[in-house]
């Protein structure tokens, strides 16, 4: 599924190298938007704390984390998302990403 190309949405993907889910999320973003996200690798706990990194993968759409949870721990860890059907998943689903991107158009 590809979004309309008349308005590009700025998408940043924050991750750490040990995360098994960030590549899948990157490919999904590319599939939906038709272009790669800006990649921002987080290498240290200090970097994670400075940016409020809630785990990998974190998708930032137009400067906002659509699934931000103020109670989430900050640090170099894998992030878990609750899918619309209630499952816990290692990254946003296509439905979740599409909705987040549409909300920013």
C-alpha atoms as a PDB file:
ATOM      1  CA  UNK A   1       0.000   0.000   0.000  1.00  0.00           C
ATOM      2  CA  UNK A   2       1.429   3.325  -1.008  1.00  0.00           C
ATOM      3  CA  UNK A   3       0.366   6.735   0.262  1.00  0.00           C
ATOM      4  CA  UNK A   4      -0.513   9.560  -2.138  1.00  0.00           C
ATOM      5  CA  UNK A   5       2.688  11.242  -3.289  1.00  0.00           C
ATOM      6  CA  UNK A   6       1.293  14.788  -3.305  1.00  0.00           C
ATOM      7  CA  UNK A   7       2.354  15.282   0.327  1.00  0.00           C
ATOM      8  CA  UNK A   8       5.436  13.642   1.764  1.00  0.00           C
ATOM      9  CA  UNK A   9       5.331  12.861   5.463  1.00  0.00           C
ATOM     10  CA  UNK A  10       8.564  13.113   7.427  1.00  0.00           C
ATOM     11  CA  UNK A  11       9.268   9.757   9.057  1.00  0.00           C
ATOM     12  CA  UNK A  12      12.222   8.953  11.272  1.00  0.00           C
ATOM     13  CA  UNK A  13      13.017   5.452  12.475  1.00  0.00           C
ATOM     14  CA  UNK A  14      14.978   5.237  15.711  1.00  0.00           C
ATOM     15  CA  UNK A  15      16.602   1.908  16.521  1.00  0.00           C
ATOM     16  CA  UNK A  16      19.545   0.175  18.094  1.00  0.00           C
ATOM     17  CA  UNK A  17      21.684  -2.367  16.286  1.00  0.00           C
ATOM     18  CA  UNK A  18      20.645  -5.339  18.444  1.00  0.00           C
ATOM     19  CA  UNK A  19      16.928  -4.959  17.701  1.00  0.00           C
ATOM     20  CA  UNK A  20      15.509  -7.755  15.543  1.00  0.00           C
ATOM     21  CA  UNK A  21      12.448  -5.688  14.500  1.00  0.00           C
ATOM     22  CA  UNK A  22      13.751  -2.414  13.127  1.00  0.00           C
ATOM     23  CA  UNK A  23      14.486  -3.717   9.597  1.00  0.00           C
ATOM     24  CA  UNK A  24      10.941  -5.069   9.248  1.00  0.00           C
ATOM     25  CA  UNK A  25       9.580  -1.689  10.337  1.00  0.00           C
ATOM     26  CA  UNK A  26      11.900   0.120   7.899  1.00  0.00           C
ATOM     27  CA  UNK A  27      10.655  -2.023   5.006  1.00  0.00           C
ATOM     28  CA  UNK A  28       7.032  -1.449   6.029  1.00  0.00           C
ATOM     29  CA  UNK A  29       7.536   2.328   6.138  1.00  0.00           C
ATOM     30  CA  UNK A  30       9.128   2.217   2.693  1.00  0.00           C
ATOM     31  CA  UNK A  31       6.258   0.117   1.357  1.00  0.00           C
ATOM     32  CA  UNK A  32       3.632   2.525   2.672  1.00  0.00           C
ATOM     33  CA  UNK A  33       5.348   5.844   1.918  1.00  0.00           C
ATOM     34  CA  UNK A  34       7.328   4.897  -1.179  1.00  0.00           C
ATOM     35  CA  UNK A  35      10.534   6.247   0.325  1.00  0.00           C
ATOM     36  CA  UNK A  36      12.932   5.304   3.106  1.00  0.00           C
ATOM     37  CA  UNK A  37      12.607   6.826   6.557  1.00  0.00           C
ATOM     38  CA  UNK A  38      15.384   8.873   8.092  1.00  0.00           C
ATOM     39  CA  UNK A  39      17.362   6.359  10.143  1.00  0.00           C
ATOM     40  CA  UNK A  40      18.660   7.320  13.558  1.00  0.00           C
ATOM     41  CA  UNK A  41      20.717   4.675  15.293  1.00  0.00           C
ATOM     42  CA  UNK A  42      20.896   4.953  19.074  1.00  0.00           C
ATOM     43  CA  UNK A  43      24.180   3.554  20.372  1.00  0.00           C
ATOM     44  CA  UNK A  44      24.382   4.427  24.041  1.00  0.00           C
ATOM     45  CA  UNK A  45      22.190   4.621  27.100  1.00  0.00           C
ATOM     46  CA  UNK A  46      23.095   8.306  27.363  1.00  0.00           C
ATOM     47  CA  UNK A  47      21.768   8.936  23.824  1.00  0.00           C
ATOM     48  CA  UNK A  48      18.614   6.980  24.636  1.00  0.00           C
ATOM     49  CA  UNK A  49      17.999   9.009  27.764  1.00  0.00           C
ATOM     50  CA  UNK A  50      18.715  12.329  26.036  1.00  0.00           C
ATOM     51  CA  UNK A  51      16.076  11.693  23.360  1.00  0.00           C
ATOM     52  CA  UNK A  52      13.560   9.833  25.530  1.00  0.00           C
ATOM     53  CA  UNK A  53      14.064   6.701  23.402  1.00  0.00           C
ATOM     54  CA  UNK A  54      11.300   4.237  24.325  1.00  0.00           C
ATOM     55  CA  UNK A  55      12.941   1.311  22.600  1.00  0.00           C
ATOM     56  CA  UNK A  56      13.520  -0.065  19.161  1.00  0.00           C
ATOM     57  CA  UNK A  57      11.934   0.394  16.763  1.00  0.00           C
ATOM     58  CA  UNK A  58      10.501   3.841  17.454  1.00  0.00           C
ATOM     59  CA  UNK A  59       8.754   5.595  14.578  1.00  0.00           C
ATOM     60  CA  UNK A  60       8.613   9.379  14.644  1.00  0.00           C
ATOM     61  CA  UNK A  61       6.038  10.921  12.281  1.00  0.00           C
ATOM     62  CA  UNK A  62       6.344  14.667  11.706  1.00  0.00           C
ATOM     63  CA  UNK A  63       8.306  14.936  14.955  1.00  0.00           C
ATOM     64  CA  UNK A  64       5.797  12.946  17.047  1.00  0.00           C
ATOM     65  CA  UNK A  65       5.840   9.393  18.394  1.00  0.00           C
ATOM     66  CA  UNK A  66       2.237   8.318  17.660  1.00  0.00           C
ATOM     67  CA  UNK A  67       2.414   5.546  20.270  1.00  0.00           C
ATOM     68  CA  UNK A  68       4.207   7.465  23.007  1.00  0.00           C
ATOM     69  CA  UNK A  69       3.559   6.190  26.492  1.00  0.00           C
ATOM     70  CA  UNK A  70       4.834   8.340  29.315  1.00  0.00           C
ATOM     71  CA  UNK A  71       5.113   5.272  31.533  1.00  0.00           C
ATOM     72  CA  UNK A  72       7.471   3.413  29.181  1.00  0.00           C
ATOM     73  CA  UNK A  73      11.036   2.857  30.267  1.00  0.00           C
ATOM     74  CA  UNK A  74      13.725   4.744  28.372  1.00  0.00           C
ATOM     75  CA  UNK A  75      16.828   2.915  27.161  1.00  0.00           C
ATOM     76  CA  UNK A  76      18.346   0.426  24.757  1.00  0.00           C
ATOM     77  CA  UNK A  77      15.611  -2.187  24.674  1.00  0.00           C
ATOM     78  CA  UNK A  78      13.196  -3.725  22.214  1.00  0.00           C
ATOM     79  CA  UNK A  79       9.870  -1.930  22.105  1.00  0.00           C
ATOM     80  CA  UNK A  80       6.548  -3.759  22.195  1.00  0.00           C
ATOM     81  CA  UNK A  81       3.387  -2.425  20.540  1.00  0.00           C
ATOM     82  CA  UNK A  82      -0.238  -3.425  21.068  1.00  0.00           C
ATOM     83  CA  UNK A  83      -1.779  -4.162  17.672  1.00  0.00           C
ATOM     84  CA  UNK A  84      -5.411  -3.191  16.975  1.00  0.00           C
ATOM     85  CA  UNK A  85      -6.434  -6.830  17.489  1.00  0.00           C
ATOM     86  CA  UNK A  86      -4.820  -6.846  20.956  1.00  0.00           C
ATOM     87  CA  UNK A  87      -1.704  -8.846  20.066  1.00  0.00           C
ATOM     88  CA  UNK A  88       1.651  -7.660  21.357  1.00  0.00           C
ATOM     89  CA  UNK A  89       4.017  -7.122  18.405  1.00  0.00           C
ATOM     90  CA  UNK A  90       7.613  -6.008  17.918  1.00  0.00           C
ATOM     91  CA  UNK A  91       6.752  -3.055  15.688  1.00  0.00           C
ATOM     92  CA  UNK A  92       3.752  -1.123  14.412  1.00  0.00           C
ATOM     93  CA  UNK A  93       1.523  -3.058  12.025  1.00  0.00           C
ATOM     94  CA  UNK A  94       0.643  -1.830   8.536  1.00  0.00           C
ATOM     95  CA  UNK A  95      -2.726  -0.649   9.859  1.00  0.00           C
ATOM     96  CA  UNK A  96      -1.096   1.246  12.741  1.00  0.00           C
ATOM     97  CA  UNK A  97       1.485   2.926  10.497  1.00  0.00           C
ATOM     98  CA  UNK A  98      -1.050   3.849   7.839  1.00  0.00           C
ATOM     99  CA  UNK A  99      -3.338   5.432  10.435  1.00  0.00           C
ATOM    100  CA  UNK A 100      -0.436   7.354  12.034  1.00  0.00           C
ATOM    101  CA  UNK A 101       0.696   8.653   8.646  1.00  0.00           C
ATOM    102  CA  UNK A 102      -2.837   9.580   7.556  1.00  0.00           C
ATOM    103  CA  UNK A 103      -3.342  11.480  10.816  1.00  0.00           C
ATOM    104  CA  UNK A 104      -0.340  13.692   9.951  1.00  0.00           C
ATOM    105  CA  UNK A 105      -1.436  14.557   6.396  1.00  0.00           C
END
